[in-house]
């Protein structure tokens, strides 16, 4: 019998909606028949959440290390150190420290092969920021811990739309300096590889958005489209990568042009995420692509304004879990299909 995929889940900021969306996602009947959940968190707070949200059907297998987890159970790996105090809706440093500890523990387990994929509940960037956690967000942290020198590609996706970002958590004023042929080429090549490897698309088509309004209007509103983006796309097409554009962002989403493409590359954070979150509603997922490991997250934040009020929708967390599982399987299938058949034949040939 095939071993179930082990899904690691970090608890995020305890004062947000993390525990609510995690436990509601795992409360479905028969969930442990599909995969083995491994939460990195605090047992007392998990139990408090279970009682608060009337999820009496959940039973935790509380362990000290991932090596003790059991199939058929909802496992909870207890974090070391003092427990944070629960103060729903508040930004607190002890909650940030606990969120960082869960991330570090989850990454360790992922690298050690104790879990197969990692799903992260939302963090508060203000609460978690410290000398030891000096990152703008999850994506940069995971690039540092898991990237082996490579930067993760931030992709927001659902069943109909996949949006990647050229730049991520940087000031608007700094964006133009990142619009270079080198950065564009690298980002599109990584996006193209992800669409094939992780989403199972044989020959992806990618739409590239412009930086300036109206795609620069022939250089009147900015030169980035004419001097950088178009030349980069021409060279990529010569390599066999279908990357078209640049398209003005407003009409592209407003007229539904995104439906004709397998992926969309946005120049900056809000250009891609604002329309995506509008279109995806509650079912969007944040996927850190281009890493040797698989990490997903719901596409919403801590939602402090509704924390611990039984108002949070678990759809995005549930979709993040299922995308991580599906991506793990697709990546395995892609790697198997991409094996060198000649090498395999030589390895399997009997010795004389």
C-alpha atoms as a PDB file:
ATOM      1  CA  UNK A   1       0.000   0.000   0.000  1.00  0.00           C
ATOM      2  CA  UNK A   2       1.373   3.423  -1.003  1.00  0.00           C
ATOM      3  CA  UNK A   3       2.447   5.659   1.867  1.00  0.00           C
ATOM      4  CA  UNK A   4       0.235   8.703   2.357  1.00  0.00           C
ATOM      5  CA  UNK A   5       1.776  12.093   1.647  1.00  0.00           C
ATOM      6  CA  UNK A   6       2.816  13.886   4.832  1.00  0.00           C
ATOM      7  CA  UNK A   7       1.588  17.475   4.797  1.00  0.00           C
ATOM      8  CA  UNK A   8       3.388  19.776   7.243  1.00  0.00           C
ATOM      9  CA  UNK A   9       1.326  22.789   8.374  1.00  0.00           C
ATOM     10  CA  UNK A  10       2.821  25.707  10.337  1.00  0.00           C
ATOM     11  CA  UNK A  11       0.390  27.428  12.675  1.00  0.00           C
ATOM     12  CA  UNK A  12       1.216  31.021  11.650  1.00  0.00           C
ATOM     13  CA  UNK A  13       0.299  33.860  14.009  1.00  0.00           C
ATOM     14  CA  UNK A  14      -1.813  32.407  16.824  1.00  0.00           C
ATOM     15  CA  UNK A  15      -3.751  35.664  17.212  1.00  0.00           C
ATOM     16  CA  UNK A  16      -4.993  35.521  13.630  1.00  0.00           C
ATOM     17  CA  UNK A  17      -7.233  33.052  11.803  1.00  0.00           C
ATOM     18  CA  UNK A  18      -4.531  30.390  11.355  1.00  0.00           C
ATOM     19  CA  UNK A  19      -5.827  27.773  13.771  1.00  0.00           C
ATOM     20  CA  UNK A  20      -9.418  28.324  12.668  1.00  0.00           C
ATOM     21  CA  UNK A  21      -8.736  27.703   8.961  1.00  0.00           C
ATOM     22  CA  UNK A  22      -6.315  24.842   9.675  1.00  0.00           C
ATOM     23  CA  UNK A  23      -8.681  22.911  11.937  1.00  0.00           C
ATOM     24  CA  UNK A  24     -11.762  23.570   9.826  1.00  0.00           C
ATOM     25  CA  UNK A  25      -9.851  22.212   6.823  1.00  0.00           C
ATOM     26  CA  UNK A  26      -8.889  19.075   8.745  1.00  0.00           C
ATOM     27  CA  UNK A  27     -12.327  18.502  10.289  1.00  0.00           C
ATOM     28  CA  UNK A  28     -13.743  16.921   7.147  1.00  0.00           C
ATOM     29  CA  UNK A  29     -14.648  13.267   7.582  1.00  0.00           C
ATOM     30  CA  UNK A  30     -12.048  10.878   6.160  1.00  0.00           C
ATOM     31  CA  UNK A  31      -9.388  13.578   5.749  1.00  0.00           C
ATOM     32  CA  UNK A  32      -6.641  11.352   7.158  1.00  0.00           C
ATOM     33  CA  UNK A  33      -7.450   8.736   4.523  1.00  0.00           C
ATOM     34  CA  UNK A  34      -6.201  11.227   1.918  1.00  0.00           C
ATOM     35  CA  UNK A  35      -2.981  12.427   3.575  1.00  0.00           C
ATOM     36  CA  UNK A  36      -1.190  12.612   6.911  1.00  0.00           C
ATOM     37  CA  UNK A  37      -1.485  16.078   8.519  1.00  0.00           C
ATOM     38  CA  UNK A  38       1.467  17.283  10.624  1.00  0.00           C
ATOM     39  CA  UNK A  39       0.794  20.587  12.417  1.00  0.00           C
ATOM     40  CA  UNK A  40       3.722  22.487  13.931  1.00  0.00           C
ATOM     41  CA  UNK A  41       2.174  24.362  16.811  1.00  0.00           C
ATOM     42  CA  UNK A  42       1.129  24.664  20.449  1.00  0.00           C
ATOM     43  CA  UNK A  43      -1.157  21.915  21.862  1.00  0.00           C
ATOM     44  CA  UNK A  44      -2.925  24.183  24.373  1.00  0.00           C
ATOM     45  CA  UNK A  45      -3.853  26.699  21.692  1.00  0.00           C
ATOM     46  CA  UNK A  46      -4.877  23.993  19.241  1.00  0.00           C
ATOM     47  CA  UNK A  47      -7.177  22.513  21.888  1.00  0.00           C
ATOM     48  CA  UNK A  48      -8.602  25.957  22.654  1.00  0.00           C
ATOM     49  CA  UNK A  49      -9.334  26.442  18.946  1.00  0.00           C
ATOM     50  CA  UNK A  50     -10.968  23.032  18.692  1.00  0.00           C
ATOM     51  CA  UNK A  51     -13.313  23.922  21.553  1.00  0.00           C
ATOM     52  CA  UNK A  52     -13.964  27.485  20.340  1.00  0.00           C
ATOM     53  CA  UNK A  53     -14.990  26.343  16.858  1.00  0.00           C
ATOM     54  CA  UNK A  54     -16.908  23.239  18.032  1.00  0.00           C
ATOM     55  CA  UNK A  55     -14.673  20.739  16.231  1.00  0.00           C
ATOM     56  CA  UNK A  56     -15.043  17.887  18.674  1.00  0.00           C
ATOM     57  CA  UNK A  57     -14.395  15.264  16.001  1.00  0.00           C
ATOM     58  CA  UNK A  58     -10.723  16.292  15.817  1.00  0.00           C
ATOM     59  CA  UNK A  59      -8.280  14.243  17.895  1.00  0.00           C
ATOM     60  CA  UNK A  60      -4.624  15.249  18.046  1.00  0.00           C
ATOM     61  CA  UNK A  61      -1.668  12.891  18.207  1.00  0.00           C
ATOM     62  CA  UNK A  62       0.710  15.193  20.090  1.00  0.00           C
ATOM     63  CA  UNK A  63       4.396  14.405  19.547  1.00  0.00           C
ATOM     64  CA  UNK A  64       7.782  15.952  20.228  1.00  0.00           C
ATOM     65  CA  UNK A  65       9.346  15.156  16.845  1.00  0.00           C
ATOM     66  CA  UNK A  66       8.042  14.343  13.347  1.00  0.00           C
ATOM     67  CA  UNK A  67       9.612  10.894  13.630  1.00  0.00           C
ATOM     68  CA  UNK A  68       6.753  10.011  16.036  1.00  0.00           C
ATOM     69  CA  UNK A  69       3.887  10.928  13.718  1.00  0.00           C
ATOM     70  CA  UNK A  70       1.276   8.308  12.820  1.00  0.00           C
ATOM     71  CA  UNK A  71      -0.741   7.734   9.673  1.00  0.00           C
ATOM     72  CA  UNK A  72      -4.486   7.980  10.121  1.00  0.00           C
ATOM     73  CA  UNK A  73      -4.106  10.696  12.766  1.00  0.00           C
ATOM     74  CA  UNK A  74      -3.942  14.490  12.889  1.00  0.00           C
ATOM     75  CA  UNK A  75      -0.452  14.934  14.262  1.00  0.00           C
ATOM     76  CA  UNK A  76       0.708  17.977  16.201  1.00  0.00           C
ATOM     77  CA  UNK A  77       4.443  18.512  16.682  1.00  0.00           C
ATOM     78  CA  UNK A  78       4.848  20.525  19.877  1.00  0.00           C
ATOM     79  CA  UNK A  79       7.120  23.554  19.511  1.00  0.00           C
ATOM     80  CA  UNK A  80       9.922  23.975  22.018  1.00  0.00           C
ATOM     81  CA  UNK A  81      10.207  26.998  24.284  1.00  0.00           C
ATOM     82  CA  UNK A  82       7.676  29.033  26.270  1.00  0.00           C
ATOM     83  CA  UNK A  83       4.150  29.086  24.917  1.00  0.00           C
ATOM     84  CA  UNK A  84       2.836  32.408  23.594  1.00  0.00           C
ATOM     85  CA  UNK A  85      -0.221  33.968  25.214  1.00  0.00           C
ATOM     86  CA  UNK A  86      -3.413  34.061  23.204  1.00  0.00           C
ATOM     87  CA  UNK A  87      -4.654  37.604  22.491  1.00  0.00           C
ATOM     88  CA  UNK A  88      -6.926  37.419  19.417  1.00  0.00           C
ATOM     89  CA  UNK A  89      -6.536  40.269  16.966  1.00  0.00           C
ATOM     90  CA  UNK A  90      -3.419  41.718  18.595  1.00  0.00           C
ATOM     91  CA  UNK A  91       0.105  42.099  17.203  1.00  0.00           C
ATOM     92  CA  UNK A  92       2.424  40.561  19.800  1.00  0.00           C
ATOM     93  CA  UNK A  93       6.086  39.628  19.707  1.00  0.00           C
ATOM     94  CA  UNK A  94       5.607  36.308  21.493  1.00  0.00           C
ATOM     95  CA  UNK A  95       3.153  35.273  18.779  1.00  0.00           C
ATOM     96  CA  UNK A  96       5.679  36.329  16.134  1.00  0.00           C
ATOM     97  CA  UNK A  97       8.405  34.291  17.809  1.00  0.00           C
ATOM     98  CA  UNK A  98       6.125  31.249  17.891  1.00  0.00           C
ATOM     99  CA  UNK A  99       5.256  31.700  14.198  1.00  0.00           C
ATOM    100  CA  UNK A 100       8.975  31.880  13.349  1.00  0.00           C
ATOM    101  CA  UNK A 101       9.680  28.775  15.457  1.00  0.00           C
ATOM    102  CA  UNK A 102       6.982  26.842  13.592  1.00  0.00           C
ATOM    103  CA  UNK A 103       8.466  27.874  10.249  1.00  0.00           C
ATOM    104  CA  UNK A 104      11.976  26.863  11.253  1.00  0.00           C
ATOM    105  CA  UNK A 105      10.748  23.526  12.564  1.00  0.00           C
ATOM    106  CA  UNK A 106       8.696  22.896   9.439  1.00  0.00           C
ATOM    107  CA  UNK A 107      11.633  23.681   7.171  1.00  0.00           C
ATOM    108  CA  UNK A 108      13.885  21.349   9.151  1.00  0.00           C
ATOM    109  CA  UNK A 109      11.353  18.531   8.790  1.00  0.00           C
ATOM    110  CA  UNK A 110      10.968  19.219   5.063  1.00  0.00           C
ATOM    111  CA  UNK A 111      14.719  19.110   4.440  1.00  0.00           C
ATOM    112  CA  UNK A 112      15.053  15.953   6.548  1.00  0.00           C
ATOM    113  CA  UNK A 113      12.317  14.178   4.573  1.00  0.00           C
ATOM    114  CA  UNK A 114      10.098  13.887   7.665  1.00  0.00           C
ATOM    115  CA  UNK A 115       7.299  15.637   5.760  1.00  0.00           C
ATOM    116  CA  UNK A 116       6.733  15.784   1.991  1.00  0.00           C
ATOM    117  CA  UNK A 117       5.278  19.265   1.532  1.00  0.00           C
ATOM    118  CA  UNK A 118       4.825  22.391   3.631  1.00  0.00           C
ATOM    119  CA  UNK A 119       1.695  24.550   3.981  1.00  0.00           C
ATOM    120  CA  UNK A 120       2.055  27.779   5.952  1.00  0.00           C
ATOM    121  CA  UNK A 121      -0.723  29.612   7.805  1.00  0.00           C
ATOM    122  CA  UNK A 122      -0.609  33.438   7.674  1.00  0.00           C
ATOM    123  CA  UNK A 123       1.949  35.393   9.676  1.00  0.00           C
ATOM    124  CA  UNK A 124       2.008  38.983  10.868  1.00  0.00           C
ATOM    125  CA  UNK A 125       5.093  40.586   9.327  1.00  0.00           C
ATOM    126  CA  UNK A 126       5.122  43.182  12.091  1.00  0.00           C
ATOM    127  CA  UNK A 127       4.977  40.579  14.876  1.00  0.00           C
ATOM    128  CA  UNK A 128       7.480  38.142  13.368  1.00  0.00           C
ATOM    129  CA  UNK A 129      10.152  40.634  12.325  1.00  0.00           C
ATOM    130  CA  UNK A 130      13.302  40.407  14.458  1.00  0.00           C
ATOM    131  CA  UNK A 131      17.069  40.168  14.176  1.00  0.00           C
ATOM    132  CA  UNK A 132      16.772  36.423  13.537  1.00  0.00           C
ATOM    133  CA  UNK A 133      13.805  36.786  11.139  1.00  0.00           C
ATOM    134  CA  UNK A 134      14.719  39.727   8.938  1.00  0.00           C
ATOM    135  CA  UNK A 135      12.654  38.850   5.856  1.00  0.00           C
ATOM    136  CA  UNK A 136       9.829  40.732   4.082  1.00  0.00           C
ATOM    137  CA  UNK A 137       7.709  37.567   4.016  1.00  0.00           C
ATOM    138  CA  UNK A 138       7.422  33.795   3.652  1.00  0.00           C
ATOM    139  CA  UNK A 139       8.789  33.716   0.099  1.00  0.00           C
ATOM    140  CA  UNK A 140      12.074  35.418   0.959  1.00  0.00           C
ATOM    141  CA  UNK A 141      12.494  33.301   4.102  1.00  0.00           C
ATOM    142  CA  UNK A 142      11.961  30.083   2.149  1.00  0.00           C
ATOM    143  CA  UNK A 143      14.348  31.191  -0.590  1.00  0.00           C
ATOM    144  CA  UNK A 144      16.984  31.649   2.097  1.00  0.00           C
ATOM    145  CA  UNK A 145      16.333  28.346   3.847  1.00  0.00           C
ATOM    146  CA  UNK A 146      15.407  26.082   0.934  1.00  0.00           C
ATOM    147  CA  UNK A 147      16.598  27.713  -2.274  1.00  0.00           C
ATOM    148  CA  UNK A 148      20.197  26.466  -2.432  1.00  0.00           C
ATOM    149  CA  UNK A 149      21.118  29.897  -3.770  1.00  0.00           C
ATOM    150  CA  UNK A 150      18.018  30.206  -5.971  1.00  0.00           C
ATOM    151  CA  UNK A 151      15.184  32.667  -5.429  1.00  0.00           C
ATOM    152  CA  UNK A 152      11.636  31.357  -5.167  1.00  0.00           C
ATOM    153  CA  UNK A 153       9.039  32.463  -7.703  1.00  0.00           C
ATOM    154  CA  UNK A 154       5.877  33.799  -6.073  1.00  0.00           C
ATOM    155  CA  UNK A 155       2.796  32.441  -7.877  1.00  0.00           C
ATOM    156  CA  UNK A 156      -0.827  33.082  -6.952  1.00  0.00           C
ATOM    157  CA  UNK A 157      -3.111  30.495  -8.483  1.00  0.00           C
ATOM    158  CA  UNK A 158      -6.490  28.820  -8.618  1.00  0.00           C
ATOM    159  CA  UNK A 159      -8.086  26.510 -11.174  1.00  0.00           C
ATOM    160  CA  UNK A 160      -8.389  29.241 -13.800  1.00  0.00           C
ATOM    161  CA  UNK A 161      -5.552  31.698 -13.248  1.00  0.00           C
ATOM    162  CA  UNK A 162      -1.833  31.580 -12.418  1.00  0.00           C
ATOM    163  CA  UNK A 163      -0.076  34.876 -11.731  1.00  0.00           C
ATOM    164  CA  UNK A 164       3.683  35.105 -11.148  1.00  0.00           C
ATOM    165  CA  UNK A 165       5.504  38.227  -9.965  1.00  0.00           C
ATOM    166  CA  UNK A 166       8.700  39.662 -11.414  1.00  0.00           C
ATOM    167  CA  UNK A 167       9.249  41.720  -8.243  1.00  0.00           C
ATOM    168  CA  UNK A 168       7.776  40.903  -4.845  1.00  0.00           C
ATOM    169  CA  UNK A 169       7.980  42.814  -1.584  1.00  0.00           C
ATOM    170  CA  UNK A 170       9.853  45.956  -2.635  1.00  0.00           C
ATOM    171  CA  UNK A 171       8.856  49.655  -2.651  1.00  0.00           C
ATOM    172  CA  UNK A 172       7.036  50.914  -5.764  1.00  0.00           C
ATOM    173  CA  UNK A 173       9.813  53.471  -6.290  1.00  0.00           C
ATOM    174  CA  UNK A 174      12.380  50.667  -6.691  1.00  0.00           C
ATOM    175  CA  UNK A 175      10.462  48.608  -9.272  1.00  0.00           C
ATOM    176  CA  UNK A 176      11.852  50.155 -12.525  1.00  0.00           C
ATOM    177  CA  UNK A 177      15.444  49.255 -11.658  1.00  0.00           C
ATOM    178  CA  UNK A 178      14.451  45.572 -11.524  1.00  0.00           C
ATOM    179  CA  UNK A 179      12.929  45.656 -15.020  1.00  0.00           C
ATOM    180  CA  UNK A 180      15.966  44.292 -16.885  1.00  0.00           C
ATOM    181  CA  UNK A 181      16.308  41.767 -19.700  1.00  0.00           C
ATOM    182  CA  UNK A 182      18.222  39.453 -17.379  1.00  0.00           C
ATOM    183  CA  UNK A 183      15.556  39.512 -14.657  1.00  0.00           C
ATOM    184  CA  UNK A 184      12.714  39.137 -17.149  1.00  0.00           C
ATOM    185  CA  UNK A 185      14.373  36.255 -18.946  1.00  0.00           C
ATOM    186  CA  UNK A 186      15.164  34.408 -15.731  1.00  0.00           C
ATOM    187  CA  UNK A 187      11.661  34.916 -14.312  1.00  0.00           C
ATOM    188  CA  UNK A 188       9.871  33.799 -17.467  1.00  0.00           C
ATOM    189  CA  UNK A 189      12.108  30.751 -17.902  1.00  0.00           C
ATOM    190  CA  UNK A 190      11.449  29.726 -14.288  1.00  0.00           C
ATOM    191  CA  UNK A 191       7.715  30.337 -14.688  1.00  0.00           C
ATOM    192  CA  UNK A 192       7.654  28.293 -17.893  1.00  0.00           C
ATOM    193  CA  UNK A 193       9.474  25.428 -16.166  1.00  0.00           C
ATOM    194  CA  UNK A 194       7.056  25.540 -13.214  1.00  0.00           C
ATOM    195  CA  UNK A 195       4.003  25.435 -15.471  1.00  0.00           C
ATOM    196  CA  UNK A 196       5.378  22.285 -17.089  1.00  0.00           C
ATOM    197  CA  UNK A 197       6.835  20.583 -14.025  1.00  0.00           C
ATOM    198  CA  UNK A 198       4.337  21.498 -11.310  1.00  0.00           C
ATOM    199  CA  UNK A 199       1.117  22.138 -13.230  1.00  0.00           C
ATOM    200  CA  UNK A 200       1.448  19.491 -15.945  1.00  0.00           C
ATOM    201  CA  UNK A 201       1.156  21.907 -18.909  1.00  0.00           C
ATOM    202  CA  UNK A 202       3.155  20.531 -21.841  1.00  0.00           C
ATOM    203  CA  UNK A 203       3.641  23.760 -23.819  1.00  0.00           C
ATOM    204  CA  UNK A 204       2.712  26.750 -21.659  1.00  0.00           C
ATOM    205  CA  UNK A 205       1.690  30.146 -22.972  1.00  0.00           C
ATOM    206  CA  UNK A 206       2.594  33.133 -20.798  1.00  0.00           C
ATOM    207  CA  UNK A 207       1.204  36.653 -20.959  1.00  0.00           C
ATOM    208  CA  UNK A 208       3.570  39.400 -19.809  1.00  0.00           C
ATOM    209  CA  UNK A 209       2.094  42.627 -18.445  1.00  0.00           C
ATOM    210  CA  UNK A 210       3.526  46.070 -19.109  1.00  0.00           C
ATOM    211  CA  UNK A 211       5.035  48.276 -16.425  1.00  0.00           C
ATOM    212  CA  UNK A 212       3.541  51.548 -17.640  1.00  0.00           C
ATOM    213  CA  UNK A 213      -0.077  52.471 -18.424  1.00  0.00           C
ATOM    214  CA  UNK A 214      -1.160  51.596 -21.981  1.00  0.00           C
ATOM    215  CA  UNK A 215       2.070  49.576 -22.374  1.00  0.00           C
ATOM    216  CA  UNK A 216       3.962  52.869 -22.517  1.00  0.00           C
ATOM    217  CA  UNK A 217       2.060  54.213 -25.560  1.00  0.00           C
ATOM    218  CA  UNK A 218       5.073  53.642 -27.816  1.00  0.00           C
ATOM    219  CA  UNK A 219       7.477  55.232 -25.351  1.00  0.00           C
ATOM    220  CA  UNK A 220       5.423  58.331 -24.510  1.00  0.00           C
ATOM    221  CA  UNK A 221       4.548  57.047 -21.008  1.00  0.00           C
ATOM    222  CA  UNK A 222       7.816  55.200 -20.356  1.00  0.00           C
ATOM    223  CA  UNK A 223      10.526  53.322 -22.245  1.00  0.00           C
ATOM    224  CA  UNK A 224      10.637  50.013 -20.345  1.00  0.00           C
ATOM    225  CA  UNK A 225       8.283  48.247 -22.767  1.00  0.00           C
ATOM    226  CA  UNK A 226      10.203  49.269 -25.897  1.00  0.00           C
ATOM    227  CA  UNK A 227      13.747  49.074 -24.539  1.00  0.00           C
ATOM    228  CA  UNK A 228      13.559  46.060 -22.209  1.00  0.00           C
ATOM    229  CA  UNK A 229      10.385  43.973 -22.236  1.00  0.00           C
ATOM    230  CA  UNK A 230       9.837  43.556 -25.985  1.00  0.00           C
ATOM    231  CA  UNK A 231      13.478  42.618 -26.752  1.00  0.00           C
ATOM    232  CA  UNK A 232      13.452  40.066 -23.919  1.00  0.00           C
ATOM    233  CA  UNK A 233      10.246  38.468 -25.227  1.00  0.00           C
ATOM    234  CA  UNK A 234      11.640  38.264 -28.759  1.00  0.00           C
ATOM    235  CA  UNK A 235      14.699  36.359 -27.515  1.00  0.00           C
ATOM    236  CA  UNK A 236      12.556  34.020 -25.411  1.00  0.00           C
ATOM    237  CA  UNK A 237      10.347  33.215 -28.408  1.00  0.00           C
ATOM    238  CA  UNK A 238      13.508  32.310 -30.330  1.00  0.00           C
ATOM    239  CA  UNK A 239      14.251  29.793 -27.559  1.00  0.00           C
ATOM    240  CA  UNK A 240      10.817  28.220 -28.016  1.00  0.00           C
ATOM    241  CA  UNK A 241       9.158  29.801 -24.960  1.00  0.00           C
ATOM    242  CA  UNK A 242       5.710  31.226 -25.702  1.00  0.00           C
ATOM    243  CA  UNK A 243       5.803  34.570 -23.878  1.00  0.00           C
ATOM    244  CA  UNK A 244       3.628  37.305 -25.389  1.00  0.00           C
ATOM    245  CA  UNK A 245       3.060  40.961 -24.602  1.00  0.00           C
ATOM    246  CA  UNK A 246       3.533  43.386 -23.037  1.00  0.00           C
ATOM    247  CA  UNK A 247      -0.168  43.812 -22.310  1.00  0.00           C
ATOM    248  CA  UNK A 248      -1.675  46.808 -20.462  1.00  0.00           C
ATOM    249  CA  UNK A 249      -2.770  45.375 -17.102  1.00  0.00           C
ATOM    250  CA  UNK A 250      -6.130  47.127 -16.816  1.00  0.00           C
ATOM    251  CA  UNK A 251      -7.742  45.899 -20.014  1.00  0.00           C
ATOM    252  CA  UNK A 252      -6.029  42.526 -19.807  1.00  0.00           C
ATOM    253  CA  UNK A 253      -7.925  41.483 -16.706  1.00  0.00           C
ATOM    254  CA  UNK A 254     -11.005  43.588 -17.326  1.00  0.00           C
ATOM    255  CA  UNK A 255     -11.683  42.004 -20.723  1.00  0.00           C
ATOM    256  CA  UNK A 256     -10.886  38.448 -19.621  1.00  0.00           C
ATOM    257  CA  UNK A 257      -7.780  38.078 -21.829  1.00  0.00           C
ATOM    258  CA  UNK A 258      -6.099  36.081 -19.043  1.00  0.00           C
ATOM    259  CA  UNK A 259      -8.363  33.133 -19.898  1.00  0.00           C
ATOM    260  CA  UNK A 260      -6.396  32.570 -23.123  1.00  0.00           C
ATOM    261  CA  UNK A 261      -3.098  31.948 -21.300  1.00  0.00           C
ATOM    262  CA  UNK A 262      -1.670  29.338 -18.943  1.00  0.00           C
ATOM    263  CA  UNK A 263       0.119  31.949 -16.848  1.00  0.00           C
ATOM    264  CA  UNK A 264       0.494  35.702 -16.388  1.00  0.00           C
ATOM    265  CA  UNK A 265       3.689  37.507 -15.349  1.00  0.00           C
ATOM    266  CA  UNK A 266       3.037  40.775 -13.498  1.00  0.00           C
ATOM    267  CA  UNK A 267       5.739  43.381 -13.039  1.00  0.00           C
ATOM    268  CA  UNK A 268       4.987  44.065  -9.384  1.00  0.00           C
ATOM    269  CA  UNK A 269       3.036  42.879  -6.349  1.00  0.00           C
ATOM    270  CA  UNK A 270      -0.225  44.817  -6.492  1.00  0.00           C
ATOM    271  CA  UNK A 271      -0.432  44.738 -10.292  1.00  0.00           C
ATOM    272  CA  UNK A 272      -0.799  40.965 -10.118  1.00  0.00           C
ATOM    273  CA  UNK A 273      -2.356  40.339  -6.737  1.00  0.00           C
ATOM    274  CA  UNK A 274      -5.137  42.916  -6.739  1.00  0.00           C
ATOM    275  CA  UNK A 275      -6.906  41.499  -9.819  1.00  0.00           C
ATOM    276  CA  UNK A 276      -6.074  37.926  -8.822  1.00  0.00           C
ATOM    277  CA  UNK A 277      -7.664  38.213  -5.397  1.00  0.00           C
ATOM    278  CA  UNK A 278     -10.696  39.916  -6.912  1.00  0.00           C
ATOM    279  CA  UNK A 279     -11.176  37.086  -9.401  1.00  0.00           C
ATOM    280  CA  UNK A 280     -10.211  34.206  -7.087  1.00  0.00           C
ATOM    281  CA  UNK A 281     -12.456  35.343  -4.207  1.00  0.00           C
ATOM    282  CA  UNK A 282     -11.790  32.810  -1.390  1.00  0.00           C
ATOM    283  CA  UNK A 283     -10.102  30.026  -3.363  1.00  0.00           C
ATOM    284  CA  UNK A 284      -6.666  31.468  -4.160  1.00  0.00           C
ATOM    285  CA  UNK A 285      -3.355  29.858  -3.166  1.00  0.00           C
ATOM    286  CA  UNK A 286       0.144  31.287  -2.789  1.00  0.00           C
ATOM    287  CA  UNK A 287       2.732  28.866  -4.211  1.00  0.00           C
ATOM    288  CA  UNK A 288       6.508  29.301  -3.742  1.00  0.00           C
ATOM    289  CA  UNK A 289       7.738  27.804  -7.008  1.00  0.00           C
ATOM    290  CA  UNK A 290      11.271  27.183  -8.341  1.00  0.00           C
ATOM    291  CA  UNK A 291      12.426  25.573  -5.083  1.00  0.00           C
ATOM    292  CA  UNK A 292      13.554  21.963  -4.557  1.00  0.00           C
ATOM    293  CA  UNK A 293      10.667  21.629  -2.079  1.00  0.00           C
ATOM    294  CA  UNK A 294       6.940  22.355  -2.265  1.00  0.00           C
ATOM    295  CA  UNK A 295       5.358  25.107  -0.193  1.00  0.00           C
ATOM    296  CA  UNK A 296       1.887  26.595  -0.454  1.00  0.00           C
ATOM    297  CA  UNK A 297      -0.189  28.967   1.642  1.00  0.00           C
ATOM    298  CA  UNK A 298      -3.670  30.501   1.646  1.00  0.00           C
ATOM    299  CA  UNK A 299      -3.629  33.794  -0.231  1.00  0.00           C
ATOM    300  CA  UNK A 300      -5.084  35.799   2.686  1.00  0.00           C
ATOM    301  CA  UNK A 301      -3.444  37.316   5.748  1.00  0.00           C
ATOM    302  CA  UNK A 302      -3.960  36.952   9.476  1.00  0.00           C
ATOM    303  CA  UNK A 303      -7.382  38.703   9.329  1.00  0.00           C
ATOM    304  CA  UNK A 304      -6.968  40.044  12.858  1.00  0.00           C
ATOM    305  CA  UNK A 305     -10.324  41.831  12.565  1.00  0.00           C
ATOM    306  CA  UNK A 306     -12.228  38.512  12.566  1.00  0.00           C
ATOM    307  CA  UNK A 307      -9.739  36.344  14.474  1.00  0.00           C
ATOM    308  CA  UNK A 308     -11.236  33.719  16.833  1.00  0.00           C
ATOM    309  CA  UNK A 309     -14.791  34.794  15.959  1.00  0.00           C
ATOM    310  CA  UNK A 310     -15.765  31.701  13.938  1.00  0.00           C
ATOM    311  CA  UNK A 311     -16.031  33.840  10.807  1.00  0.00           C
ATOM    312  CA  UNK A 312     -12.986  32.717   8.801  1.00  0.00           C
ATOM    313  CA  UNK A 313     -13.509  30.809   5.550  1.00  0.00           C
ATOM    314  CA  UNK A 314     -11.176  27.770   5.313  1.00  0.00           C
ATOM    315  CA  UNK A 315     -11.493  27.423   1.510  1.00  0.00           C
ATOM    316  CA  UNK A 316      -8.115  28.977   0.690  1.00  0.00           C
ATOM    317  CA  UNK A 317      -6.307  26.860   3.304  1.00  0.00           C
ATOM    318  CA  UNK A 318      -8.029  23.724   2.032  1.00  0.00           C
ATOM    319  CA  UNK A 319      -7.052  24.577  -1.545  1.00  0.00           C
ATOM    320  CA  UNK A 320      -3.462  25.215  -0.421  1.00  0.00           C
ATOM    321  CA  UNK A 321      -3.281  21.737   1.117  1.00  0.00           C
ATOM    322  CA  UNK A 322      -4.693  20.046  -1.972  1.00  0.00           C
ATOM    323  CA  UNK A 323      -2.457  22.024  -4.338  1.00  0.00           C
ATOM    324  CA  UNK A 324       0.610  20.964  -2.341  1.00  0.00           C
ATOM    325  CA  UNK A 325      -0.440  17.311  -2.617  1.00  0.00           C
ATOM    326  CA  UNK A 326      -1.255  17.571  -6.333  1.00  0.00           C
ATOM    327  CA  UNK A 327       2.013  19.389  -7.058  1.00  0.00           C
ATOM    328  CA  UNK A 328       4.014  16.751  -5.199  1.00  0.00           C
ATOM    329  CA  UNK A 329       2.469  14.027  -7.359  1.00  0.00           C
ATOM    330  CA  UNK A 330       2.795  15.971 -10.614  1.00  0.00           C
ATOM    331  CA  UNK A 331       6.435  16.774  -9.904  1.00  0.00           C
ATOM    332  CA  UNK A 332       7.186  13.112  -9.250  1.00  0.00           C
ATOM    333  CA  UNK A 333       5.446  12.127 -12.486  1.00  0.00           C
ATOM    334  CA  UNK A 334       7.284  14.833 -14.457  1.00  0.00           C
ATOM    335  CA  UNK A 335      10.668  13.784 -13.093  1.00  0.00           C
ATOM    336  CA  UNK A 336       9.957  10.164 -13.917  1.00  0.00           C
ATOM    337  CA  UNK A 337       8.824  11.043 -17.437  1.00  0.00           C
ATOM    338  CA  UNK A 338      11.915  13.222 -17.916  1.00  0.00           C
ATOM    339  CA  UNK A 339      14.405  10.511 -16.985  1.00  0.00           C
ATOM    340  CA  UNK A 340      17.008   9.735 -19.647  1.00  0.00           C
ATOM    341  CA  UNK A 341      15.724   6.450 -21.166  1.00  0.00           C
ATOM    342  CA  UNK A 342      19.221   5.548 -22.430  1.00  0.00           C
ATOM    343  CA  UNK A 343      20.701   5.996 -18.954  1.00  0.00           C
ATOM    344  CA  UNK A 344      17.871   3.918 -17.453  1.00  0.00           C
ATOM    345  CA  UNK A 345      18.457   1.179 -20.067  1.00  0.00           C
ATOM    346  CA  UNK A 346      22.176   1.055 -19.281  1.00  0.00           C
ATOM    347  CA  UNK A 347      21.507   0.899 -15.530  1.00  0.00           C
ATOM    348  CA  UNK A 348      19.001  -1.931 -15.913  1.00  0.00           C
ATOM    349  CA  UNK A 349      21.061  -3.974 -18.395  1.00  0.00           C
ATOM    350  CA  UNK A 350      22.232  -7.230 -16.734  1.00  0.00           C
ATOM    351  CA  UNK A 351      25.924  -7.631 -16.092  1.00  0.00           C
ATOM    352  CA  UNK A 352      27.930 -10.176 -18.091  1.00  0.00           C
END
